[in-house]
Amino acid sequence: MSERKMPWAVIVAVAVQTAAGLIWAGGAAARIETLETRVAEQRLVAERLARLEEQAVATRASLERIEAKVSGE
């Protein structure tokens, strides 16, 4: 049986690639966390916007009723 020796260059290259992969994964995780935070904030803003739109519709309806009474319709 012949024994094969792995060159140091291959071992170093694999170690460097593994380290780079771990650094990339950490950066990706941080970006994902930032995006999740933004989405959560936007959900709250969307809810508030929906409430404001409904209040505007109700205000417009009230204004139309007042204008109708004032003009005698």
Protein backbone atom coordinates (compact mmCIF):
# COMPACT_ATOMS: atom_id res chain seq x y z
CA MET A 1 0.00 0.00 0.00
CA SER A 2 1.20 3.42 -0.84
CA GLU A 3 0.71 6.27 1.57
CA ARG A 4 -0.30 9.57 0.07
CA LYS A 5 0.80 12.71 1.81
CA MET A 6 -1.29 15.84 1.55
CA PRO A 7 0.74 18.91 0.68
CA TRP A 8 0.71 21.76 3.19
CA ALA A 9 -0.50 24.12 0.50
CA VAL A 10 -3.73 22.14 0.11
CA ILE A 11 -4.31 22.10 3.86
CA VAL A 12 -3.68 25.85 4.12
CA ALA A 13 -5.93 26.55 1.12
CA VAL A 14 -8.78 24.53 2.62
CA ALA A 15 -8.34 26.28 5.97
CA VAL A 16 -8.37 29.72 4.34
CA GLN A 17 -11.46 28.87 2.29
CA THR A 18 -13.22 27.55 5.39
CA ALA A 19 -12.40 30.74 7.31
CA ALA A 20 -13.60 32.89 4.42
CA GLY A 21 -16.83 30.89 4.24
CA LEU A 22 -17.46 31.36 7.95
CA ILE A 23 -16.81 35.11 7.70
CA TRP A 24 -19.17 35.36 4.72
CA ALA A 25 -21.87 33.40 6.59
CA GLY A 26 -21.53 35.72 9.59
CA GLY A 27 -21.95 38.77 7.35
CA ALA A 28 -24.96 37.21 5.67
CA ALA A 29 -26.53 36.49 9.05
CA ALA A 30 -26.05 40.13 10.08
CA ARG A 31 -27.65 41.37 6.85
CA ILE A 32 -30.61 39.02 7.31
CA GLU A 33 -31.10 40.24 10.88
CA THR A 34 -31.08 43.85 9.68
CA LEU A 35 -33.66 43.07 7.00
CA GLU A 36 -35.89 41.26 9.51
CA THR A 37 -35.77 44.30 11.79
CA ARG A 38 -36.72 46.61 8.92
CA VAL A 39 -39.62 44.37 7.91
CA ALA A 40 -40.92 44.35 11.49
CA GLU A 41 -40.74 48.16 11.60
CA GLN A 42 -42.49 48.46 8.25
CA ARG A 43 -45.29 46.20 9.46
CA LEU A 44 -46.02 48.65 12.27
CA VAL A 45 -45.93 51.58 9.86
CA ALA A 46 -48.26 49.77 7.46
CA GLU A 47 -50.77 49.17 10.26
CA ARG A 48 -50.68 52.83 11.27
CA LEU A 49 -51.08 53.90 7.65
CA ALA A 50 -54.11 51.66 7.24
CA ARG A 51 -55.69 53.20 10.33
CA LEU A 52 -55.00 56.72 9.06
CA GLU A 53 -56.54 55.89 5.69
CA GLU A 54 -59.70 54.62 7.37
CA GLN A 55 -59.87 57.74 9.51
CA ALA A 56 -59.53 59.88 6.38
CA VAL A 57 -62.39 57.99 4.73
CA ALA A 58 -64.57 58.49 7.82
CA THR A 59 -63.62 62.18 7.99
CA ARG A 60 -64.50 62.67 4.31
CA ALA A 61 -67.87 60.97 4.83
CA SER A 62 -68.57 63.20 7.82
CA LEU A 63 -67.60 66.29 5.84
CA GLU A 64 -69.89 65.28 2.98
CA ARG A 65 -72.81 64.85 5.43
CA ILE A 66 -72.11 68.27 6.96
CA GLU A 67 -71.89 69.91 3.55
CA ALA A 68 -75.17 68.27 2.51
CA LYS A 69 -76.92 69.61 5.63
CA VAL A 70 -75.47 73.09 5.18
CA SER A 71 -76.47 73.30 1.54
CA GLY A 72 -79.97 71.98 2.36
CA GLU A 73 -79.88 68.80 0.27
